[in-house]
Amino acid sequence: MDFTPRMQQILQRLLSETDFVSEQTLADDLGISKRTVQRELDRTTGALASYGLQLQRKKKVGLMLIGPEKEKERLAASLQTASAMDFTDKQNRRRYLLFEILRDRTPKKLFYYSQLLGVSEATAASDLEALAPWLQKNNLSVLKKQGYGVVLTGSEKDYREAMRRFISETTSAEDFKDLHDGQEALTKAVMNVTDKGIYKLLNSHTIQRVYTVLQKLHEEKIAHFTDAAKIGLVIHIAIAIERVASGQLQEEPAVPPAIPDDEDSTLARRILKGMEEEFQLPMPSIEISYLLLHIKGAKIRYNGSPWQGPDGLDEPALLVIIDKMIEAFDPQYAYDLRCDDEFIRGLFVHLQPTIVRLKHHLNIINPLLDDIRKEYASVFQKSCRAATILAAALDTTVSEEEIGYLTIHFGAALERLKGKKIFTRKVIIGIVCASGFGLARLMMTRLQNKLPSYVELHTYGKDDLTESVLQETDFFISTLPLQIPGADVLRTSPLITGSELQHILGKIDTYSHIRKAPDLVTPSGETFLSALDRTHLLAREMAG
């Protein structure tokens, strides 16, 4: 794990002692308060256990680090090689300051932060002010009171979302791009989310236990979450458990908006019960509401049929929003986009959990955002215009991460329009990614105008490769390491390099087959195209 500079100092001091030392002595030697020493020691328990070490305490005497000498040597080596934070770098210093105020919401004197960072009180105050815009995005602020200190203020819900946002921002996007099949790989990715941040906000052992409980529940809906959504759920639950266990839970004057009792509510209760049994910790009933919001806002692997619609927004209302988004995106292509049944279906499915996230200000990670903005700059800007329609309809803001996902859908449709013609499909290729909807769609649109006219492309999630799919598909292009007996699989990167394209063209020459995709319908029984046409005409009549 990563050790904070303060933890490193305390542990190194304990390793140098062969007898008991008092907490006050440690505090005096390090120039910090006794309470700070106690707080830091409390946070080292899990880390020390991983080294086979523990703190032995004697009343009125002090404490001592006990355990095998080899493990003490291993800990000493880890502390020696641990990368110390460069507090002369303003960006790193402020990020660590943000970590500190999120980690502990008890009031602190400005002097505490100046000593922690090795800067003047004026510089510490300036750094706190610089964090204001970041905190305001989650409706949080730093309160300063004479004689009271500095403390982070805001609702419990906003505070937790800020923690999730901090963890996602300090995690490399590569941790989410390369998730493979298998429980062990996903477990590793979950651990990376916190272990690769500048310092851990969450206990790795807690995260592991949360993930294990979810696995044992064998819930079908969670199984259909994308890997990033599973990670988000694990982080959310771990935050809740550590908040409740530490007694730092802030009472709310009002609970999150009530959501009608449904299957998701029942699922939230089962998850909460499993966590209570695992951690032997009674969880407040409000946690069901928090958990339910994350379940409803999670990205789901596409399974071929649309949702029933988010709460308070039925199918016609959502189609009206889609129609207006298309017009705002680019009036020149509006008609063609409305005629693209695949695009309408995909956007309809995508917007349902998106609306839940936006209504309740839930963050989402988009590991391809930088690539999307670079490769599809024009489409991204147009998608920003479409996002303003969604923002106005929900009376909220739409993050760039969400706009990035909209760009994938609009970009895919535009790529199809560029090469639209009558195809005689003779080769069937399956494009596979974790969800079957995000990366796979992006890859498909990049390939469509570069492959011969007799090629037909289909996208699949890693769980969608049924026997019939395998029989109908000539070969697969995958971002994942697939182990399927008898299947021809070519693994590529998400953005498909020039050399990878040549491999694909070579395989196409060896196959010949013809297939045609069936029409898909909305929950009401209409095709998406006819439903949108009807909605568009009604909207024009009302406007006239």
Protein backbone atom coordinates (compact mmCIF):
# COMPACT_ATOMS: atom_id res chain seq x y z
CA MET A 1 0.00 0.00 0.00
CA ASP A 2 0.98 3.69 -0.17
CA PHE A 3 2.01 5.27 3.14
CA THR A 4 1.40 8.92 3.86
CA PRO A 5 4.55 10.87 4.80
CA ARG A 6 3.30 11.03 8.40
CA MET A 7 2.76 7.25 8.52
CA GLN A 8 6.26 6.69 7.14
CA GLN A 9 7.80 8.87 9.87
CA ILE A 10 5.91 7.15 12.69
CA LEU A 11 6.59 3.61 11.47
CA GLN A 12 10.26 4.31 10.85
CA ARG A 13 10.51 5.67 14.40
CA LEU A 14 8.85 2.54 15.83
CA LEU A 15 11.11 0.25 13.79
CA SER A 16 14.14 1.96 15.33
CA GLU A 17 12.93 1.19 18.89
CA THR A 18 13.54 -2.05 20.78
CA ASP A 19 11.32 -1.08 23.72
CA PHE A 20 7.99 0.58 24.35
CA VAL A 21 7.64 4.25 23.41
CA SER A 22 4.79 6.55 24.40
CA GLU A 23 2.53 8.28 21.90
CA GLN A 24 3.45 11.63 23.44
CA THR A 25 7.15 10.91 22.86
CA LEU A 26 6.42 10.10 19.22
CA ALA A 27 4.43 13.31 18.92
CA ASP A 28 7.19 15.41 20.47
CA ASP A 29 9.89 13.83 18.30
CA LEU A 30 7.94 14.43 15.10
CA GLY A 31 6.60 17.86 16.03
CA ILE A 32 2.94 16.88 15.81
CA SER A 33 0.08 16.42 18.26
CA LYS A 34 -0.59 13.23 20.22
CA ARG A 35 -4.03 13.04 18.58
CA THR A 36 -2.39 13.06 15.13
CA VAL A 37 -0.15 10.16 16.16
CA GLN A 38 -3.17 8.19 17.40
CA ARG A 39 -5.12 8.84 14.23
CA GLU A 40 -2.25 7.79 11.96
CA LEU A 41 -1.61 4.64 14.01
CA ASP A 42 -5.27 3.66 13.73
CA ARG A 43 -4.94 3.76 9.95
CA THR A 44 -1.84 1.53 9.88
CA THR A 45 -3.52 -1.55 11.41
CA GLY A 46 -4.51 -3.13 8.10
CA ALA A 47 -1.17 -2.38 6.47
CA LEU A 48 0.81 -3.84 9.38
CA ALA A 49 -1.28 -7.02 9.28
CA SER A 50 -0.21 -7.59 5.67
CA TYR A 51 3.38 -7.65 6.97
CA GLY A 52 2.55 -9.99 9.86
CA LEU A 53 3.16 -7.17 12.33
CA GLN A 54 1.04 -5.51 14.99
CA LEU A 55 1.17 -2.80 17.63
CA GLN A 56 1.43 -4.00 21.22
CA ARG A 57 0.19 -1.45 23.78
CA LYS A 58 0.83 -1.21 27.50
CA LYS A 59 -1.19 1.17 29.61
CA LYS A 60 0.86 4.10 30.94
CA VAL A 61 3.93 2.71 29.15
CA GLY A 62 3.40 3.08 25.44
CA LEU A 63 3.46 0.90 22.37
CA MET A 64 5.87 -1.25 20.41
CA LEU A 65 5.92 -2.86 16.99
CA ILE A 66 6.07 -6.66 17.33
CA GLY A 67 6.43 -9.47 14.80
CA PRO A 68 9.06 -11.49 12.87
CA GLU A 69 12.33 -9.68 12.22
CA LYS A 70 12.19 -10.58 8.55
CA GLU A 71 8.82 -8.86 8.24
CA LYS A 72 10.17 -5.78 10.03
CA GLU A 73 13.01 -5.70 7.52
CA ARG A 74 10.52 -6.01 4.66
CA LEU A 75 8.46 -3.13 6.06
CA ALA A 76 11.60 -1.02 6.50
CA ALA A 77 12.54 -1.67 2.87
CA SER A 78 9.04 -0.70 1.71
CA LEU A 79 9.17 2.52 3.69
CA GLN A 80 12.59 3.33 2.31
CA THR A 81 11.53 2.85 -1.30
CA ALA A 82 8.10 4.45 -0.88
CA SER A 83 7.82 7.48 -3.12
CA ALA A 84 7.62 10.59 -0.98
CA MET A 85 5.28 13.33 -2.07
CA ASP A 86 7.08 16.31 -3.58
CA PHE A 87 5.40 19.17 -1.74
CA THR A 88 7.40 21.72 -3.71
CA ASP A 89 5.17 20.82 -6.66
CA LYS A 90 2.05 22.95 -6.25
CA GLN A 91 -0.26 20.50 -8.06
CA ASN A 92 0.88 17.50 -6.00
CA ARG A 93 0.72 19.50 -2.77
CA ARG A 94 -2.84 20.63 -3.41
CA ARG A 95 -3.94 17.15 -4.42
CA TYR A 96 -2.56 15.79 -1.18
CA LEU A 97 -4.28 18.58 0.75
CA LEU A 98 -7.55 17.59 -0.93
CA PHE A 99 -6.88 14.01 0.12
CA GLU A 100 -6.37 15.10 3.72
CA ILE A 101 -9.58 17.13 4.03
CA LEU A 102 -11.57 14.30 2.44
CA ARG A 103 -9.94 11.66 4.64
CA ASP A 104 -10.71 13.36 7.94
CA ARG A 105 -13.57 15.82 8.36
CA THR A 106 -12.74 16.81 11.92
CA PRO A 107 -11.79 20.50 12.37
CA LYS A 108 -8.06 21.28 12.00
CA LYS A 109 -6.09 24.42 12.67
CA LEU A 110 -4.48 26.01 9.62
CA PHE A 111 -1.18 25.45 11.42
CA TYR A 112 -1.78 21.68 11.19
CA TYR A 113 -1.93 21.80 7.38
CA SER A 114 1.06 24.13 7.11
CA GLN A 115 3.16 21.72 9.19
CA LEU A 116 1.90 18.71 7.27
CA LEU A 117 2.81 20.26 3.92
CA GLY A 118 5.95 22.03 5.07
CA VAL A 119 4.70 25.44 3.92
CA SER A 120 3.65 28.68 5.57
CA GLU A 121 0.12 29.17 6.90
CA ALA A 122 -0.44 31.75 4.17
CA THR A 123 0.48 29.19 1.50
CA ALA A 124 -1.74 26.53 3.13
CA ALA A 125 -4.63 29.03 3.16
CA SER A 126 -4.01 29.83 -0.50
CA ASP A 127 -3.99 26.13 -1.37
CA LEU A 128 -7.32 25.63 0.42
CA GLU A 129 -8.85 28.48 -1.58
CA ALA A 130 -7.54 26.94 -4.80
CA LEU A 131 -9.48 23.74 -4.02
CA ALA A 132 -12.80 25.60 -3.85
CA PRO A 133 -13.81 25.11 -7.53
CA TRP A 134 -13.16 21.35 -7.30
CA LEU A 135 -15.20 21.06 -4.10
CA GLN A 136 -18.03 23.22 -5.44
CA LYS A 137 -18.68 20.68 -8.20
CA ASN A 138 -19.88 18.39 -5.40
CA ASN A 139 -21.59 21.18 -3.41
CA LEU A 140 -18.87 21.12 -0.75
CA SER A 141 -16.91 24.00 0.76
CA VAL A 142 -14.21 24.66 3.35
CA LEU A 143 -15.47 26.50 6.42
CA LYS A 144 -12.99 28.68 8.34
CA LYS A 145 -13.83 29.95 11.82
CA GLN A 146 -11.68 31.92 14.19
CA GLY A 147 -10.71 29.70 17.12
CA TYR A 148 -12.47 26.72 15.52
CA GLY A 149 -10.25 25.76 12.63
CA VAL A 150 -10.82 24.53 9.10
CA VAL A 151 -13.44 21.89 8.24
CA LEU A 152 -15.11 20.50 5.13
CA THR A 153 -18.86 21.16 5.01
CA GLY A 154 -21.63 19.67 2.87
CA SER A 155 -24.15 16.84 2.79
CA GLU A 156 -23.21 13.22 3.35
CA LYS A 157 -24.32 12.29 -0.17
CA ASP A 158 -22.22 15.03 -1.79
CA TYR A 159 -19.26 14.14 0.40
CA ARG A 160 -19.35 10.50 -0.71
CA GLU A 161 -19.62 11.48 -4.36
CA ALA A 162 -16.58 13.72 -3.89
CA MET A 163 -14.64 10.75 -2.50
CA ARG A 164 -15.63 8.60 -5.49
CA ARG A 165 -14.65 11.39 -7.85
CA PHE A 166 -11.28 11.86 -6.16
CA ILE A 167 -10.53 8.13 -6.40
CA SER A 168 -11.48 7.98 -10.08
CA GLU A 169 -9.43 11.08 -10.91
CA THR A 170 -6.30 9.73 -9.22
CA THR A 171 -6.64 6.36 -10.96
CA SER A 172 -5.02 5.71 -14.32
CA ALA A 173 -7.48 5.18 -17.17
CA GLU A 174 -5.44 2.12 -18.15
CA ASP A 175 -6.87 0.32 -15.10
CA PHE A 176 -10.27 0.45 -16.79
CA LYS A 177 -9.25 -0.07 -20.41
CA ASP A 178 -7.70 -3.50 -20.04
CA LEU A 179 -10.11 -5.42 -17.81
CA HIS A 180 -10.12 -9.07 -18.89
CA ASP A 181 -12.34 -12.03 -18.26
CA GLY A 182 -12.09 -13.72 -14.91
CA GLN A 183 -12.77 -12.93 -11.29
CA GLU A 184 -9.10 -12.55 -10.40
CA ALA A 185 -8.52 -9.85 -13.03
CA LEU A 186 -11.52 -7.82 -11.94
CA THR A 187 -10.49 -8.15 -8.30
CA LYS A 188 -7.09 -6.75 -9.21
CA ALA A 189 -8.71 -3.85 -11.05
CA VAL A 190 -10.91 -3.07 -8.06
CA MET A 191 -7.84 -2.98 -5.82
CA ASN A 192 -5.95 -0.80 -8.30
CA VAL A 193 -8.60 1.89 -8.08
CA THR A 194 -7.51 2.79 -4.57
CA ASP A 195 -3.98 1.42 -4.39
CA LYS A 196 -2.84 3.48 -7.39
CA GLY A 197 -4.17 6.80 -6.10
CA ILE A 198 -1.73 9.23 -4.49
CA TYR A 199 -2.66 7.70 -1.11
CA LYS A 200 -5.44 5.35 -0.14
CA LEU A 201 -8.75 6.78 0.99
CA LEU A 202 -10.13 3.29 1.54
CA ASN A 203 -8.86 0.19 3.28
CA SER A 204 -7.88 -2.50 0.73
CA HIS A 205 -9.11 -5.25 3.06
CA THR A 206 -12.55 -3.62 3.22
CA ILE A 207 -12.71 -3.42 -0.56
CA GLN A 208 -11.74 -7.09 -0.93
CA ARG A 209 -14.43 -8.17 1.54
CA VAL A 210 -17.10 -6.06 -0.18
CA TYR A 211 -16.24 -7.54 -3.56
CA THR A 212 -16.30 -11.08 -2.14
CA VAL A 213 -19.77 -10.54 -0.64
CA LEU A 214 -21.10 -9.31 -4.00
CA GLN A 215 -19.65 -12.36 -5.73
CA LYS A 216 -21.26 -14.73 -3.24
CA LEU A 217 -24.68 -13.14 -3.73
CA HIS A 218 -24.72 -14.30 -7.39
CA GLU A 219 -27.07 -11.46 -8.37
CA GLU A 220 -28.01 -11.59 -12.06
CA LYS A 221 -28.32 -7.81 -12.44
CA ILE A 222 -24.87 -7.16 -10.97
CA ALA A 223 -23.49 -9.80 -13.34
CA HIS A 224 -24.73 -7.63 -16.22
CA PHE A 225 -23.00 -4.49 -14.92
CA THR A 226 -20.03 -3.37 -16.98
CA ASP A 227 -16.72 -3.90 -15.18
CA ALA A 228 -16.34 -0.17 -14.48
CA ALA A 229 -19.87 -0.15 -13.00
CA LYS A 230 -18.96 -3.07 -10.71
CA ILE A 231 -15.89 -1.19 -9.53
CA GLY A 232 -18.01 1.89 -8.86
CA LEU A 233 -20.48 -0.16 -6.81
CA VAL A 234 -17.70 -1.74 -4.74
CA ILE A 235 -16.17 1.66 -4.02
CA HIS A 236 -19.55 3.12 -3.05
CA ILE A 237 -20.25 0.31 -0.56
CA ALA A 238 -16.72 0.43 0.88
CA ILE A 239 -17.07 4.18 1.46
CA ALA A 240 -20.39 3.65 3.25
CA ILE A 241 -19.00 0.88 5.48
CA GLU A 242 -15.92 2.84 6.50
CA ARG A 243 -17.98 5.98 7.14
CA VAL A 244 -20.39 4.09 9.40
CA ALA A 245 -17.64 2.10 11.13
CA SER A 246 -15.59 5.21 11.91
CA GLY A 247 -18.58 7.08 13.35
CA GLN A 248 -18.03 9.94 10.91
CA LEU A 249 -21.44 9.52 9.28
CA GLN A 250 -23.14 12.92 9.02
CA GLU A 251 -26.86 12.93 9.79
CA GLU A 252 -28.94 14.27 6.93
CA PRO A 253 -31.93 16.59 7.41
CA ALA A 254 -33.60 14.76 4.53
CA VAL A 255 -33.03 11.41 2.85
CA PRO A 256 -32.39 11.05 -0.90
CA PRO A 257 -35.52 11.19 -3.10
CA ALA A 258 -37.79 8.20 -2.55
CA ILE A 259 -37.85 5.63 -5.35
CA PRO A 260 -40.85 3.30 -5.79
CA ASP A 261 -40.34 -0.19 -4.40
CA ASP A 262 -39.21 -2.49 -7.22
CA GLU A 263 -36.72 -5.26 -8.03
CA ASP A 264 -33.80 -2.85 -7.67
CA SER A 265 -34.97 -1.87 -4.19
CA THR A 266 -35.14 -5.54 -3.20
CA LEU A 267 -31.65 -6.04 -4.61
CA ALA A 268 -30.35 -3.07 -2.58
CA ARG A 269 -31.77 -4.60 0.61
CA ARG A 270 -30.17 -7.98 -0.12
CA ILE A 271 -26.79 -6.35 -0.70
CA LEU A 272 -27.06 -4.30 2.49
CA LYS A 273 -28.03 -7.39 4.50
CA GLY A 274 -25.02 -9.27 3.10
CA MET A 275 -22.72 -6.41 4.12
CA GLU A 276 -24.19 -6.24 7.63
CA GLU A 277 -23.58 -9.97 8.11
CA GLU A 278 -20.03 -9.78 6.74
CA PHE A 279 -18.93 -6.73 8.74
CA GLN A 280 -21.17 -7.29 11.78
CA LEU A 281 -22.18 -3.66 11.43
CA PRO A 282 -25.74 -2.31 11.52
CA MET A 283 -26.19 -0.04 8.51
CA PRO A 284 -28.63 2.91 8.62
CA SER A 285 -31.74 2.47 6.45
CA ILE A 286 -30.75 5.54 4.44
CA GLU A 287 -27.99 3.41 2.89
CA ILE A 288 -30.67 1.55 0.89
CA SER A 289 -31.55 4.81 -0.87
CA TYR A 290 -27.90 5.62 -1.58
CA LEU A 291 -27.26 2.10 -2.85
CA LEU A 292 -30.39 2.10 -4.98
CA LEU A 293 -29.29 5.23 -6.83
CA HIS A 294 -26.04 3.53 -7.83
CA ILE A 295 -27.82 0.39 -8.99
CA LYS A 296 -30.21 2.37 -11.18
CA GLY A 297 -27.42 4.55 -12.53
CA ALA A 298 -25.01 1.73 -13.39
CA LYS A 299 -24.04 1.06 -17.00
CA ILE A 300 -25.44 -2.32 -18.03
CA ARG A 301 -24.10 -4.66 -20.68
CA TYR A 302 -26.47 -4.47 -23.59
CA ASN A 303 -28.72 -7.56 -23.75
CA GLY A 304 -30.77 -6.79 -26.86
CA SER A 305 -33.90 -5.25 -25.33
CA PRO A 306 -34.53 -1.71 -24.04
CA TRP A 307 -35.36 -0.75 -20.49
CA GLN A 308 -38.82 0.22 -19.35
CA GLY A 309 -37.63 3.79 -18.84
CA PRO A 310 -36.27 5.76 -15.89
CA ASP A 311 -38.52 6.95 -13.08
CA GLY A 312 -40.67 9.93 -14.05
CA LEU A 313 -39.80 9.65 -17.77
CA ASP A 314 -41.78 7.28 -19.98
CA GLU A 315 -40.90 6.09 -23.48
CA PRO A 316 -42.61 8.91 -25.45
CA ALA A 317 -41.01 11.57 -23.26
CA LEU A 318 -37.55 10.05 -23.75
CA LEU A 319 -38.07 9.85 -27.51
CA VAL A 320 -39.01 13.55 -27.55
CA ILE A 321 -35.71 14.35 -25.82
CA ILE A 322 -33.82 12.18 -28.33
CA ASP A 323 -35.54 13.96 -31.22
CA LYS A 324 -34.51 17.39 -29.88
CA MET A 325 -30.96 16.18 -29.21
CA ILE A 326 -30.66 15.02 -32.82
CA GLU A 327 -31.80 18.42 -34.11
CA ALA A 328 -29.36 20.24 -31.81
CA PHE A 329 -26.50 17.93 -32.78
CA ASP A 330 -26.59 18.87 -36.48
CA PRO A 331 -29.74 19.89 -38.42
CA GLN A 332 -28.00 18.87 -41.66
CA TYR A 333 -27.89 15.24 -40.59
CA ALA A 334 -31.06 15.23 -38.48
CA TYR A 335 -33.25 13.41 -41.00
CA ASP A 336 -30.69 10.68 -41.67
CA LEU A 337 -30.02 10.19 -37.97
CA ARG A 338 -33.76 9.83 -37.29
CA CYS A 339 -33.84 7.10 -39.92
CA ASP A 340 -30.98 5.17 -38.31
CA ASP A 341 -32.81 2.59 -36.23
CA GLU A 342 -29.59 1.22 -34.73
CA PHE A 343 -28.56 4.69 -33.54
CA ILE A 344 -31.96 5.47 -32.02
CA ARG A 345 -32.09 2.11 -30.26
CA GLY A 346 -28.58 2.52 -28.86
CA LEU A 347 -29.16 6.07 -27.63
CA PHE A 348 -32.50 5.09 -26.09
CA VAL A 349 -30.85 2.31 -24.07
CA HIS A 350 -27.85 4.43 -23.12
CA LEU A 351 -29.86 7.42 -21.88
CA GLN A 352 -31.92 5.52 -19.33
CA PRO A 353 -29.19 4.92 -16.70
CA THR A 354 -27.57 8.20 -17.80
CA ILE A 355 -30.69 10.11 -16.71
CA VAL A 356 -30.64 8.43 -13.30
CA ARG A 357 -26.99 9.42 -12.87
CA LEU A 358 -27.59 13.00 -13.93
CA LYS A 359 -30.70 13.49 -11.79
CA HIS A 360 -28.84 12.34 -8.69
CA HIS A 361 -25.40 13.77 -9.57
CA LEU A 362 -23.62 10.41 -9.74
CA ASN A 363 -20.14 10.42 -11.31
CA ILE A 364 -19.10 8.06 -14.07
CA ILE A 365 -15.64 7.15 -15.33
CA ASN A 366 -14.94 7.46 -19.07
CA PRO A 367 -11.47 5.98 -19.65
CA LEU A 368 -11.55 6.90 -23.37
CA LEU A 369 -12.46 10.58 -22.90
CA ASP A 370 -9.07 11.92 -24.00
CA ASP A 371 -9.01 9.64 -27.05
CA ILE A 372 -12.57 10.58 -27.97
CA ARG A 373 -11.90 14.32 -27.74
CA LYS A 374 -8.81 13.91 -29.92
CA GLU A 375 -10.12 11.48 -32.54
CA TYR A 376 -13.67 12.88 -32.74
CA ALA A 377 -13.16 16.57 -31.90
CA SER A 378 -15.91 17.82 -34.22
CA VAL A 379 -18.43 15.19 -33.13
CA PHE A 380 -17.61 15.92 -29.48
CA GLN A 381 -18.42 19.60 -29.94
CA LYS A 382 -21.72 18.76 -31.63
CA SER A 383 -22.48 16.28 -28.86
CA CYS A 384 -21.98 19.15 -26.40
CA ARG A 385 -24.88 20.91 -28.15
CA ALA A 386 -27.00 17.78 -27.90
CA ALA A 387 -26.11 17.52 -24.21
CA THR A 388 -27.56 20.99 -23.56
CA ILE A 389 -30.98 19.60 -24.53
CA LEU A 390 -30.61 16.78 -22.03
CA ALA A 391 -29.36 19.20 -19.37
CA ALA A 392 -32.33 21.52 -19.89
CA ALA A 393 -34.82 18.64 -19.76
CA LEU A 394 -33.39 17.43 -16.43
CA ASP A 395 -32.43 20.86 -15.05
CA THR A 396 -28.86 19.74 -14.37
CA THR A 397 -25.42 19.77 -15.95
CA VAL A 398 -23.93 17.05 -18.14
CA SER A 399 -20.28 16.19 -17.45
CA GLU A 400 -17.67 15.78 -20.19
CA GLU A 401 -17.46 12.09 -19.27
CA GLU A 402 -21.14 11.67 -20.15
CA ILE A 403 -20.71 13.76 -23.31
CA GLY A 404 -17.88 11.44 -24.30
CA TYR A 405 -20.28 8.50 -24.26
CA LEU A 406 -22.82 10.49 -26.31
CA THR A 407 -20.04 11.17 -28.82
CA ILE A 408 -19.52 7.44 -29.30
CA HIS A 409 -23.17 6.99 -30.25
CA PHE A 410 -23.40 10.01 -32.55
CA GLY A 411 -19.99 9.29 -34.07
CA ALA A 412 -20.96 5.71 -34.86
CA ALA A 413 -24.10 6.90 -36.65
CA LEU A 414 -22.18 9.46 -38.73
CA GLU A 415 -19.62 6.84 -39.76
CA ARG A 416 -22.44 4.62 -40.95
CA LEU A 417 -23.93 7.47 -42.97
CA LYS A 418 -20.64 8.15 -44.76
CA GLY A 419 -20.45 4.66 -46.18
CA LYS A 420 -24.15 3.92 -46.50
CA LYS A 421 -24.90 1.80 -49.57
CA ILE A 422 -26.48 -1.52 -50.48
CA PHE A 423 -24.26 -4.26 -49.15
CA THR A 424 -23.97 -7.84 -50.30
CA ARG A 425 -22.69 -9.24 -47.04
CA LYS A 426 -20.59 -12.33 -47.43
CA VAL A 427 -18.39 -12.23 -44.33
CA ILE A 428 -19.76 -11.96 -40.79
CA ILE A 429 -17.42 -10.50 -38.16
CA GLY A 430 -18.18 -10.26 -34.43
CA ILE A 431 -16.63 -7.34 -32.52
CA VAL A 432 -16.29 -8.11 -28.80
CA CYS A 433 -15.69 -5.84 -25.81
CA ALA A 434 -16.69 -6.01 -22.14
CA SER A 435 -20.17 -4.53 -22.61
CA GLY A 436 -20.84 -5.09 -26.29
CA PHE A 437 -21.98 -1.51 -26.63
CA GLY A 438 -19.33 1.14 -25.97
CA LEU A 439 -15.92 0.14 -27.32
CA ALA A 440 -17.38 -2.40 -29.71
CA ARG A 441 -19.59 0.27 -31.34
CA LEU A 442 -16.64 2.63 -31.63
CA MET A 443 -14.52 -0.10 -33.23
CA MET A 444 -17.30 -1.03 -35.63
CA THR A 445 -17.74 2.53 -36.88
CA ARG A 446 -13.99 2.87 -37.44
CA LEU A 447 -13.97 -0.31 -39.51
CA GLN A 448 -17.12 0.05 -41.59
CA ASN A 449 -15.70 2.44 -44.19
CA LYS A 450 -12.39 0.59 -44.38
CA LEU A 451 -13.69 -2.92 -45.12
CA PRO A 452 -15.07 -4.41 -48.35
CA SER A 453 -18.77 -3.99 -49.10
CA TYR A 454 -19.48 -7.69 -48.58
CA VAL A 455 -18.60 -7.54 -44.83
CA GLU A 456 -21.23 -7.51 -42.08
CA LEU A 457 -20.25 -6.45 -38.55
CA HIS A 458 -21.94 -7.31 -35.25
CA THR A 459 -21.04 -6.20 -31.73
CA TYR A 460 -21.15 -8.43 -28.65
CA GLY A 461 -20.44 -8.32 -24.95
CA LYS A 462 -18.15 -11.01 -23.58
CA ASP A 463 -21.19 -12.80 -22.07
CA ASP A 464 -23.19 -12.74 -25.35
CA LEU A 465 -21.16 -15.34 -27.27
CA THR A 466 -23.78 -18.07 -27.39
CA GLU A 467 -23.53 -21.23 -29.46
CA SER A 468 -25.71 -19.73 -32.22
CA VAL A 469 -23.52 -16.61 -32.39
CA LEU A 470 -20.41 -18.76 -32.71
CA GLN A 471 -21.99 -20.77 -35.54
CA GLU A 472 -23.11 -17.70 -37.49
CA THR A 473 -19.87 -15.71 -37.13
CA ASP A 474 -16.83 -16.25 -39.34
CA PHE A 475 -14.33 -14.67 -36.96
CA PHE A 476 -14.14 -12.29 -34.01
CA ILE A 477 -12.23 -9.06 -33.38
CA SER A 478 -11.77 -8.64 -29.64
CA THR A 479 -10.22 -6.26 -27.10
CA LEU A 480 -10.30 -9.16 -24.63
CA PRO A 481 -8.27 -12.41 -24.47
CA LEU A 482 -11.05 -14.85 -25.47
CA GLN A 483 -10.52 -18.57 -24.98
CA ILE A 484 -13.28 -20.17 -27.09
CA PRO A 485 -12.63 -23.61 -28.61
CA GLY A 486 -13.11 -23.60 -32.39
CA ALA A 487 -13.53 -19.80 -32.66
CA ASP A 488 -11.20 -17.69 -34.78
CA VAL A 489 -10.28 -14.64 -32.66
CA LEU A 490 -8.08 -11.70 -33.61
CA ARG A 491 -7.20 -9.52 -30.62
CA THR A 492 -6.71 -5.80 -31.31
CA SER A 493 -6.48 -2.49 -29.48
CA PRO A 494 -9.72 -0.44 -29.11
CA LEU A 495 -8.64 2.14 -31.72
CA ILE A 496 -7.36 -0.49 -34.25
CA THR A 497 -3.90 0.33 -35.64
CA GLY A 498 -2.89 0.18 -39.28
CA SER A 499 -1.13 -3.16 -38.90
CA GLU A 500 -4.17 -4.63 -37.11
CA LEU A 501 -6.40 -3.46 -39.97
CA GLN A 502 -4.18 -5.34 -42.45
CA HIS A 503 -4.58 -8.53 -40.37
CA ILE A 504 -8.36 -8.06 -40.45
CA LEU A 505 -8.38 -7.57 -44.25
CA GLY A 506 -6.28 -10.70 -44.65
CA LYS A 507 -8.78 -12.79 -42.66
CA ILE A 508 -11.74 -11.38 -44.61
CA ASP A 509 -10.28 -12.85 -47.80
CA THR A 510 -10.57 -16.36 -46.34
CA TYR A 511 -14.26 -16.24 -45.39
CA SER A 512 -17.58 -16.09 -47.22
CA HIS A 513 -21.10 -15.99 -45.68
CA ILE A 514 -24.32 -13.92 -45.82
CA ARG A 515 -26.62 -12.82 -42.97
CA LYS A 516 -29.20 -10.11 -42.32
CA ALA A 517 -30.04 -8.56 -38.91
CA PRO A 518 -33.69 -8.56 -37.70
CA ASP A 519 -35.65 -5.41 -36.88
CA LEU A 520 -35.85 -4.44 -33.21
CA VAL A 521 -38.85 -3.01 -31.39
CA THR A 522 -39.53 -0.65 -28.50
CA PRO A 523 -41.24 -1.80 -25.28
CA SER A 524 -44.58 -0.70 -26.80
CA GLY A 525 -44.18 -3.02 -29.81
CA GLU A 526 -43.17 -0.42 -32.43
CA THR A 527 -39.84 -0.28 -34.20
CA PHE A 528 -37.62 2.49 -32.89
CA LEU A 529 -37.74 4.17 -36.29
CA SER A 530 -41.55 4.30 -36.44
CA ALA A 531 -41.77 5.38 -32.79
CA LEU A 532 -39.39 8.25 -33.38
CA ASP A 533 -41.16 9.27 -36.59
CA ARG A 534 -44.45 9.41 -34.69
CA THR A 535 -42.87 11.38 -31.86
CA HIS A 536 -41.27 13.84 -34.26
CA LEU A 537 -44.54 14.51 -36.06
CA LEU A 538 -46.40 15.04 -32.77
CA ALA A 539 -43.70 17.42 -31.57
CA ARG A 540 -44.00 19.48 -34.75
CA GLU A 541 -47.77 19.60 -34.51
CA MET A 542 -47.58 20.85 -30.90
CA ALA A 543 -44.94 23.43 -31.87
CA GLY A 544 -47.11 24.67 -34.74
